[in-house]
Amino acid sequence: MPNRTKRLKPREALEVSPFDVGVFTWKMKTRSIEENNWLQIDEGRDEDLLLKKQGPFGIHLKTSEPASLKLLKTIESWLTRRSVTLPVLDGSLHSIDKCGQLIQEDVCLMERKSDTWILTAASVCFPTHWSPISKLGLSLDEIHSPV
């Protein structure tokens, strides 16, 4: 597997301290990004997409196809507007697998169900210390429960 850390661009750190005490509250610092910066395309794209073709690496709930298809169309549109050549995809794949084979990033799809966000689909080729299959169908609170 290639050394992806050389190509990563610095991001703002999450505002989380392992030394906080008391009742758990979310302290993640999130920020908006401009649409142009939503996805990253760099000189390692061809190599990364080649690795992803060894998949599929996607997992999904049966109910996730409509949202996965919407995400796929959004990604295809974003890439096309930037004159990025789209690879030929296997038409039999689930839409979340197709998403994963179009971009370098891993993709996790959260859908709002009642009053909570649920992980309904993911294409994770490069997991770091977590098992996507063990998180499928869980809420955001369950995925990121305090340790």
N, C-alpha and C. Protein backbone atom coordinates (compact mmCIF):
# COMPACT_ATOMS: atom_id res chain seq x y z
N MET A 1 0.85 -1.17 0.00
CA MET A 1 0.00 0.00 0.00
C MET A 1 0.90 1.24 0.00
N PRO A 2 0.53 2.27 -0.78
CA PRO A 2 1.38 3.45 -0.86
C PRO A 2 1.37 4.23 0.45
N ASN A 3 2.40 5.01 0.63
CA ASN A 3 2.46 5.88 1.80
C ASN A 3 1.65 7.13 1.52
N ARG A 4 0.40 7.13 1.95
CA ARG A 4 -0.52 8.22 1.66
C ARG A 4 -0.24 9.47 2.50
N THR A 5 0.50 9.35 3.58
CA THR A 5 0.69 10.50 4.46
C THR A 5 1.48 11.61 3.80
N LYS A 6 2.31 11.31 2.83
CA LYS A 6 3.09 12.34 2.16
C LYS A 6 2.19 13.31 1.40
N ARG A 7 1.06 12.83 0.91
CA ARG A 7 0.20 13.64 0.07
C ARG A 7 -0.92 14.33 0.84
N LEU A 8 -1.13 13.97 2.08
CA LEU A 8 -2.23 14.55 2.83
C LEU A 8 -1.97 16.02 3.10
N LYS A 9 -3.02 16.80 2.95
CA LYS A 9 -2.91 18.22 3.25
C LYS A 9 -3.32 18.44 4.70
N PRO A 10 -2.66 19.36 5.38
CA PRO A 10 -2.98 19.57 6.78
C PRO A 10 -4.42 20.06 6.95
N ARG A 11 -5.04 19.60 7.97
CA ARG A 11 -6.41 20.01 8.30
C ARG A 11 -6.39 20.57 9.72
N GLU A 12 -7.40 21.34 10.03
CA GLU A 12 -7.50 21.83 11.40
C GLU A 12 -7.73 20.65 12.33
N ALA A 13 -7.11 20.68 13.47
CA ALA A 13 -7.25 19.60 14.44
C ALA A 13 -8.63 19.64 15.08
N LEU A 14 -9.09 18.47 15.47
CA LEU A 14 -10.34 18.40 16.22
C LEU A 14 -10.09 18.92 17.62
N GLU A 15 -11.06 19.60 18.14
CA GLU A 15 -10.92 20.18 19.47
C GLU A 15 -11.41 19.17 20.51
N VAL A 16 -10.60 18.18 20.80
CA VAL A 16 -10.94 17.12 21.74
C VAL A 16 -9.75 16.91 22.66
N SER A 17 -10.01 16.85 23.96
CA SER A 17 -8.93 16.64 24.91
C SER A 17 -9.15 15.32 25.65
N PRO A 18 -8.14 14.46 25.70
CA PRO A 18 -8.30 13.20 26.44
C PRO A 18 -8.32 13.41 27.95
N PHE A 19 -8.05 14.64 28.39
CA PHE A 19 -7.97 14.91 29.83
C PHE A 19 -9.23 15.58 30.37
N ASP A 20 -10.25 15.76 29.53
CA ASP A 20 -11.49 16.35 30.00
C ASP A 20 -12.16 15.40 31.00
N VAL A 21 -12.75 15.96 32.02
CA VAL A 21 -13.46 15.17 33.02
C VAL A 21 -14.90 15.65 33.09
N GLY A 22 -15.74 14.85 33.71
CA GLY A 22 -17.13 15.23 33.86
C GLY A 22 -18.00 14.53 32.84
N VAL A 23 -19.20 15.06 32.66
CA VAL A 23 -20.16 14.48 31.74
C VAL A 23 -19.68 14.68 30.31
N PHE A 24 -19.79 13.61 29.52
CA PHE A 24 -19.34 13.67 28.13
C PHE A 24 -20.22 14.61 27.32
N THR A 25 -19.59 15.47 26.55
CA THR A 25 -20.29 16.29 25.56
C THR A 25 -19.44 16.30 24.29
N TRP A 26 -20.10 16.46 23.16
CA TRP A 26 -19.36 16.53 21.90
C TRP A 26 -18.53 17.79 21.88
N LYS A 27 -17.27 17.67 21.49
CA LYS A 27 -16.38 18.82 21.40
C LYS A 27 -15.64 18.86 20.08
N MET A 28 -16.17 18.14 19.11
CA MET A 28 -15.50 18.15 17.82
C MET A 28 -15.70 19.51 17.16
N LYS A 29 -14.64 20.01 16.60
CA LYS A 29 -14.72 21.29 15.91
C LYS A 29 -14.95 20.99 14.43
N THR A 30 -16.10 21.37 13.93
CA THR A 30 -16.37 21.17 12.52
C THR A 30 -16.38 22.53 11.84
N ARG A 31 -16.17 22.51 10.56
CA ARG A 31 -16.17 23.75 9.81
C ARG A 31 -16.69 23.48 8.41
N SER A 32 -17.24 24.50 7.81
CA SER A 32 -17.70 24.38 6.44
C SER A 32 -16.51 24.41 5.50
N ILE A 33 -16.66 23.76 4.38
CA ILE A 33 -15.63 23.83 3.36
C ILE A 33 -16.28 24.34 2.08
N GLU A 34 -15.50 24.97 1.25
CA GLU A 34 -16.01 25.43 -0.03
C GLU A 34 -16.18 24.23 -0.95
N GLU A 35 -17.15 24.32 -1.85
CA GLU A 35 -17.43 23.20 -2.74
C GLU A 35 -16.20 22.79 -3.54
N ASN A 36 -15.38 23.75 -3.95
CA ASN A 36 -14.18 23.42 -4.72
C ASN A 36 -13.21 22.54 -3.94
N ASN A 37 -13.26 22.59 -2.62
CA ASN A 37 -12.35 21.82 -1.78
C ASN A 37 -12.98 20.56 -1.20
N TRP A 38 -14.19 20.24 -1.65
CA TRP A 38 -14.92 19.11 -1.08
C TRP A 38 -14.15 17.80 -1.27
N LEU A 39 -13.68 17.56 -2.47
CA LEU A 39 -12.90 16.35 -2.75
C LEU A 39 -11.48 16.76 -3.11
N GLN A 40 -10.54 15.89 -2.82
CA GLN A 40 -9.13 16.15 -3.12
C GLN A 40 -8.72 15.29 -4.31
N ILE A 41 -8.05 15.92 -5.26
CA ILE A 41 -7.50 15.19 -6.40
C ILE A 41 -6.03 15.56 -6.47
N ASP A 42 -5.17 14.55 -6.44
CA ASP A 42 -3.73 14.84 -6.49
C ASP A 42 -3.03 13.86 -7.42
N GLU A 43 -1.71 13.93 -7.45
CA GLU A 43 -0.92 13.11 -8.37
C GLU A 43 -1.01 11.61 -8.07
N GLY A 44 -1.52 11.23 -6.92
CA GLY A 44 -1.66 9.82 -6.58
C GLY A 44 -3.00 9.22 -6.95
N ARG A 45 -3.85 9.99 -7.65
CA ARG A 45 -5.21 9.54 -7.95
C ARG A 45 -5.23 8.21 -8.70
N ASP A 46 -4.47 8.11 -9.78
CA ASP A 46 -4.49 6.87 -10.57
C ASP A 46 -4.11 5.66 -9.73
N GLU A 47 -3.07 5.80 -8.92
CA GLU A 47 -2.62 4.71 -8.05
C GLU A 47 -3.68 4.35 -7.02
N ASP A 48 -4.29 5.36 -6.41
CA ASP A 48 -5.32 5.12 -5.40
C ASP A 48 -6.54 4.42 -6.01
N LEU A 49 -6.98 4.90 -7.18
CA LEU A 49 -8.15 4.30 -7.81
C LEU A 49 -7.86 2.87 -8.26
N LEU A 50 -6.64 2.61 -8.66
CA LEU A 50 -6.25 1.24 -9.02
C LEU A 50 -6.36 0.31 -7.81
N LEU A 51 -5.91 0.78 -6.66
CA LEU A 51 -6.04 -0.01 -5.42
C LEU A 51 -7.51 -0.26 -5.10
N LYS A 52 -8.34 0.76 -5.29
CA LYS A 52 -9.76 0.62 -4.97
C LYS A 52 -10.48 -0.34 -5.91
N LYS A 53 -9.97 -0.54 -7.11
CA LYS A 53 -10.59 -1.48 -8.05
C LYS A 53 -10.42 -2.93 -7.59
N GLN A 54 -9.56 -3.17 -6.61
CA GLN A 54 -9.38 -4.52 -6.08
C GLN A 54 -10.57 -4.93 -5.23
N GLY A 55 -11.45 -3.98 -4.91
CA GLY A 55 -12.63 -4.20 -4.08
C GLY A 55 -13.67 -5.03 -4.80
N PRO A 56 -14.93 -4.88 -4.52
CA PRO A 56 -15.51 -3.74 -3.83
C PRO A 56 -15.28 -3.77 -2.32
N PHE A 57 -15.22 -2.59 -1.76
CA PHE A 57 -15.00 -2.44 -0.33
C PHE A 57 -16.24 -1.89 0.36
N GLY A 58 -17.33 -1.80 -0.36
CA GLY A 58 -18.53 -1.19 0.18
C GLY A 58 -19.35 -2.12 1.05
N ILE A 59 -20.03 -1.50 1.99
CA ILE A 59 -21.02 -2.18 2.82
C ILE A 59 -22.24 -1.28 2.82
N HIS A 60 -23.41 -1.86 2.94
CA HIS A 60 -24.60 -1.02 2.89
C HIS A 60 -25.82 -1.75 3.44
N LEU A 61 -26.72 -0.96 3.97
CA LEU A 61 -28.03 -1.48 4.35
C LEU A 61 -28.88 -1.54 3.09
N LYS A 62 -29.87 -2.42 3.05
CA LYS A 62 -30.72 -2.56 1.87
C LYS A 62 -31.43 -1.26 1.52
N THR A 63 -31.72 -0.45 2.51
CA THR A 63 -32.48 0.79 2.29
C THR A 63 -31.62 1.96 1.82
N SER A 64 -30.32 1.74 1.66
CA SER A 64 -29.42 2.87 1.39
C SER A 64 -29.27 3.24 -0.08
N GLU A 65 -29.83 2.46 -1.00
CA GLU A 65 -29.59 2.72 -2.43
C GLU A 65 -30.03 4.12 -2.88
N PRO A 66 -31.22 4.62 -2.51
CA PRO A 66 -31.59 5.96 -3.00
C PRO A 66 -30.59 7.06 -2.57
N ALA A 67 -30.19 7.07 -1.32
CA ALA A 67 -29.23 8.08 -0.86
C ALA A 67 -27.85 7.85 -1.47
N SER A 68 -27.47 6.58 -1.64
CA SER A 68 -26.18 6.27 -2.26
C SER A 68 -26.15 6.73 -3.72
N LEU A 69 -27.26 6.54 -4.42
CA LEU A 69 -27.35 6.98 -5.81
C LEU A 69 -27.28 8.50 -5.90
N LYS A 70 -27.94 9.18 -4.99
CA LYS A 70 -27.88 10.65 -4.96
C LYS A 70 -26.44 11.12 -4.73
N LEU A 71 -25.73 10.46 -3.81
CA LEU A 71 -24.32 10.80 -3.56
C LEU A 71 -23.48 10.53 -4.81
N LEU A 72 -23.72 9.41 -5.47
CA LEU A 72 -22.99 9.07 -6.69
C LEU A 72 -23.18 10.15 -7.75
N LYS A 73 -24.41 10.58 -7.97
CA LYS A 73 -24.69 11.61 -8.97
C LYS A 73 -24.00 12.93 -8.59
N THR A 74 -23.98 13.24 -7.30
CA THR A 74 -23.31 14.47 -6.84
C THR A 74 -21.81 14.40 -7.10
N ILE A 75 -21.20 13.26 -6.80
CA ILE A 75 -19.76 13.09 -7.03
C ILE A 75 -19.45 13.15 -8.53
N GLU A 76 -20.24 12.43 -9.34
CA GLU A 76 -20.02 12.45 -10.79
C GLU A 76 -20.12 13.87 -11.34
N SER A 77 -21.11 14.61 -10.90
CA SER A 77 -21.29 15.99 -11.36
C SER A 77 -20.11 16.86 -10.96
N TRP A 78 -19.67 16.73 -9.71
CA TRP A 78 -18.54 17.53 -9.21
C TRP A 78 -17.29 17.25 -10.03
N LEU A 79 -17.01 15.98 -10.29
CA LEU A 79 -15.82 15.60 -11.07
C LEU A 79 -15.93 16.08 -12.51
N THR A 80 -17.10 15.91 -13.12
CA THR A 80 -17.30 16.31 -14.51
C THR A 80 -17.12 17.82 -14.68
N ARG A 81 -17.64 18.61 -13.74
CA ARG A 81 -17.49 20.07 -13.82
C ARG A 81 -16.03 20.50 -13.73
N ARG A 82 -15.18 19.63 -13.23
CA ARG A 82 -13.75 19.94 -13.12
C ARG A 82 -12.92 19.20 -14.18
N SER A 83 -13.61 18.69 -15.19
CA SER A 83 -12.98 18.01 -16.32
C SER A 83 -12.13 16.81 -15.90
N VAL A 84 -12.56 16.13 -14.85
CA VAL A 84 -11.88 14.91 -14.40
C VAL A 84 -12.45 13.73 -15.19
N THR A 85 -11.57 12.93 -15.74
CA THR A 85 -12.00 11.75 -16.49
C THR A 85 -12.56 10.71 -15.52
N LEU A 86 -13.78 10.27 -15.79
CA LEU A 86 -14.42 9.27 -14.94
C LEU A 86 -14.06 7.88 -15.43
N PRO A 87 -13.64 7.00 -14.53
CA PRO A 87 -13.33 5.62 -14.94
C PRO A 87 -14.62 4.87 -15.29
N VAL A 88 -14.48 3.84 -16.09
CA VAL A 88 -15.62 2.98 -16.40
C VAL A 88 -15.89 2.12 -15.17
N LEU A 89 -17.13 2.12 -14.72
CA LEU A 89 -17.50 1.40 -13.51
C LEU A 89 -18.35 0.17 -13.84
N ASP A 90 -18.23 -0.84 -13.03
CA ASP A 90 -19.03 -2.06 -13.15
C ASP A 90 -20.48 -1.70 -12.79
N GLY A 91 -21.37 -1.83 -13.77
CA GLY A 91 -22.77 -1.46 -13.56
C GLY A 91 -23.49 -2.29 -12.52
N SER A 92 -22.95 -3.45 -12.16
CA SER A 92 -23.62 -4.30 -11.17
C SER A 92 -23.32 -3.88 -9.73
N LEU A 93 -22.37 -2.97 -9.56
CA LEU A 93 -22.00 -2.55 -8.20
C LEU A 93 -23.08 -1.68 -7.56
N HIS A 94 -23.17 -1.73 -6.24
CA HIS A 94 -24.02 -0.82 -5.48
C HIS A 94 -23.47 0.59 -5.67
N SER A 95 -24.32 1.57 -5.61
CA SER A 95 -23.90 2.96 -5.82
C SER A 95 -22.80 3.41 -4.87
N ILE A 96 -22.79 2.92 -3.63
CA ILE A 96 -21.73 3.34 -2.70
C ILE A 96 -20.37 2.80 -3.14
N ASP A 97 -20.35 1.60 -3.74
CA ASP A 97 -19.09 1.06 -4.29
C ASP A 97 -18.62 1.91 -5.47
N LYS A 98 -19.57 2.35 -6.29
CA LYS A 98 -19.22 3.21 -7.42
C LYS A 98 -18.64 4.53 -6.92
N CYS A 99 -19.24 5.09 -5.87
CA CYS A 99 -18.70 6.32 -5.27
C CYS A 99 -17.24 6.12 -4.88
N GLY A 100 -16.98 5.03 -4.21
CA GLY A 100 -15.63 4.74 -3.73
C GLY A 100 -14.62 4.57 -4.84
N GLN A 101 -15.08 4.11 -6.01
CA GLN A 101 -14.16 3.90 -7.13
C GLN A 101 -13.96 5.15 -7.98
N LEU A 102 -14.70 6.22 -7.68
CA LEU A 102 -14.53 7.47 -8.41
C LEU A 102 -13.57 8.44 -7.74
N ILE A 103 -13.43 8.31 -6.43
CA ILE A 103 -12.65 9.31 -5.68
C ILE A 103 -11.60 8.63 -4.81
N GLN A 104 -10.61 9.40 -4.43
CA GLN A 104 -9.53 8.87 -3.60
C GLN A 104 -9.98 8.66 -2.15
N GLU A 105 -10.89 9.49 -1.69
CA GLU A 105 -11.32 9.39 -0.30
C GLU A 105 -12.18 8.16 -0.06
N ASP A 106 -12.20 7.73 1.19
CA ASP A 106 -13.20 6.77 1.62
C ASP A 106 -14.50 7.54 1.79
N VAL A 107 -15.63 6.83 1.71
CA VAL A 107 -16.93 7.47 1.78
C VAL A 107 -17.79 6.78 2.83
N CYS A 108 -18.35 7.57 3.74
CA CYS A 108 -19.32 7.06 4.71
C CYS A 108 -20.59 7.88 4.56
N LEU A 109 -21.71 7.20 4.39
CA LEU A 109 -22.99 7.85 4.17
C LEU A 109 -23.83 7.74 5.43
N MET A 110 -24.16 8.88 5.99
CA MET A 110 -25.04 8.94 7.16
C MET A 110 -26.40 9.45 6.70
N GLU A 111 -27.47 8.76 7.10
CA GLU A 111 -28.82 9.21 6.75
C GLU A 111 -29.59 9.52 8.02
N ARG A 112 -30.40 10.56 7.93
CA ARG A 112 -31.22 10.97 9.07
C ARG A 112 -32.42 10.03 9.16
N LYS A 113 -32.56 9.37 10.28
CA LYS A 113 -33.69 8.48 10.56
C LYS A 113 -34.31 8.96 11.86
N SER A 114 -35.54 9.43 11.79
CA SER A 114 -36.20 10.05 12.94
C SER A 114 -35.35 11.22 13.42
N ASP A 115 -34.81 11.12 14.61
CA ASP A 115 -34.06 12.25 15.16
C ASP A 115 -32.57 11.95 15.30
N THR A 116 -32.08 10.96 14.56
CA THR A 116 -30.66 10.61 14.69
C THR A 116 -30.05 10.30 13.33
N TRP A 117 -28.74 10.39 13.25
CA TRP A 117 -28.00 10.07 12.03
C TRP A 117 -27.47 8.64 12.11
N ILE A 118 -27.72 7.85 11.05
CA ILE A 118 -27.36 6.43 11.00
C ILE A 118 -26.38 6.19 9.85
N LEU A 119 -25.35 5.38 10.10
CA LEU A 119 -24.44 4.97 9.03
C LEU A 119 -25.15 3.90 8.20
N THR A 120 -25.54 4.25 6.97
CA THR A 120 -26.30 3.32 6.14
C THR A 120 -25.47 2.70 5.02
N ALA A 121 -24.34 3.32 4.68
CA ALA A 121 -23.49 2.77 3.62
C ALA A 121 -22.09 3.36 3.75
N ALA A 122 -21.11 2.60 3.28
CA ALA A 122 -19.73 3.09 3.32
C ALA A 122 -18.90 2.34 2.29
N SER A 123 -17.94 3.04 1.74
CA SER A 123 -16.92 2.42 0.89
C SER A 123 -15.59 2.83 1.49
N VAL A 124 -15.00 1.91 2.23
CA VAL A 124 -13.78 2.21 2.98
C VAL A 124 -12.68 1.27 2.53
N CYS A 125 -11.74 1.81 1.79
CA CYS A 125 -10.62 1.03 1.27
C CYS A 125 -9.42 1.14 2.19
N PHE A 126 -9.31 2.25 2.90
CA PHE A 126 -8.14 2.52 3.73
C PHE A 126 -8.54 2.80 5.18
N PRO A 127 -9.13 1.81 5.89
CA PRO A 127 -9.56 2.07 7.27
C PRO A 127 -8.36 2.27 8.19
N THR A 128 -8.55 3.11 9.19
CA THR A 128 -7.49 3.34 10.17
C THR A 128 -8.04 3.01 11.55
N HIS A 129 -7.74 1.84 12.01
CA HIS A 129 -8.07 1.40 13.38
C HIS A 129 -9.57 1.34 13.66
N TRP A 130 -10.38 1.03 12.66
CA TRP A 130 -11.80 0.81 12.91
C TRP A 130 -12.35 -0.15 11.86
N SER A 131 -13.43 -0.80 12.19
CA SER A 131 -14.05 -1.78 11.30
C SER A 131 -15.38 -1.22 10.81
N PRO A 132 -15.44 -0.80 9.55
CA PRO A 132 -16.69 -0.24 9.04
C PRO A 132 -17.89 -1.17 9.20
N ILE A 133 -17.71 -2.46 8.99
CA ILE A 133 -18.83 -3.40 9.09
C ILE A 133 -19.42 -3.40 10.50
N SER A 134 -18.59 -3.17 11.51
CA SER A 134 -19.09 -3.17 12.89
C SER A 134 -19.89 -1.90 13.20
N LYS A 135 -19.80 -0.90 12.35
CA LYS A 135 -20.49 0.38 12.59
C LYS A 135 -21.75 0.53 11.75
N LEU A 136 -21.93 -0.32 10.75
CA LEU A 136 -23.08 -0.21 9.85
C LEU A 136 -24.39 -0.33 10.63
N GLY A 137 -25.29 0.61 10.39
CA GLY A 137 -26.58 0.61 11.05
C GLY A 137 -26.59 1.31 12.40
N LEU A 138 -25.42 1.75 12.86
CA LEU A 138 -25.34 2.43 14.16
C LEU A 138 -25.54 3.93 14.00
N SER A 139 -25.98 4.54 15.08
CA SER A 139 -26.15 5.99 15.09
C SER A 139 -24.80 6.66 15.29
N LEU A 140 -24.75 7.95 15.01
CA LEU A 140 -23.53 8.71 15.23
C LEU A 140 -23.10 8.63 16.68
N ASP A 141 -24.06 8.70 17.60
CA ASP A 141 -23.73 8.59 19.03
C ASP A 141 -23.13 7.22 19.37
N GLU A 142 -23.66 6.16 18.76
CA GLU A 142 -23.14 4.82 19.03
C GLU A 142 -21.75 4.62 18.41
N ILE A 143 -21.55 5.19 17.24
CA ILE A 143 -20.24 5.07 16.58
C ILE A 143 -19.17 5.80 17.36
N HIS A 144 -19.51 6.98 17.86
CA HIS A 144 -18.54 7.82 18.56
C HIS A 144 -18.84 7.90 20.05
N SER A 145 -19.17 6.77 20.64
CA SER A 145 -19.47 6.78 22.07
C SER A 145 -18.21 7.06 22.87
N PRO A 146 -18.36 7.63 24.06
CA PRO A 146 -17.17 7.91 24.89
C PRO A 146 -16.44 6.62 25.24
N VAL A 147 -15.14 6.70 25.34
CA VAL A 147 -14.34 5.54 25.72
C VAL A 147 -13.80 5.69 27.12
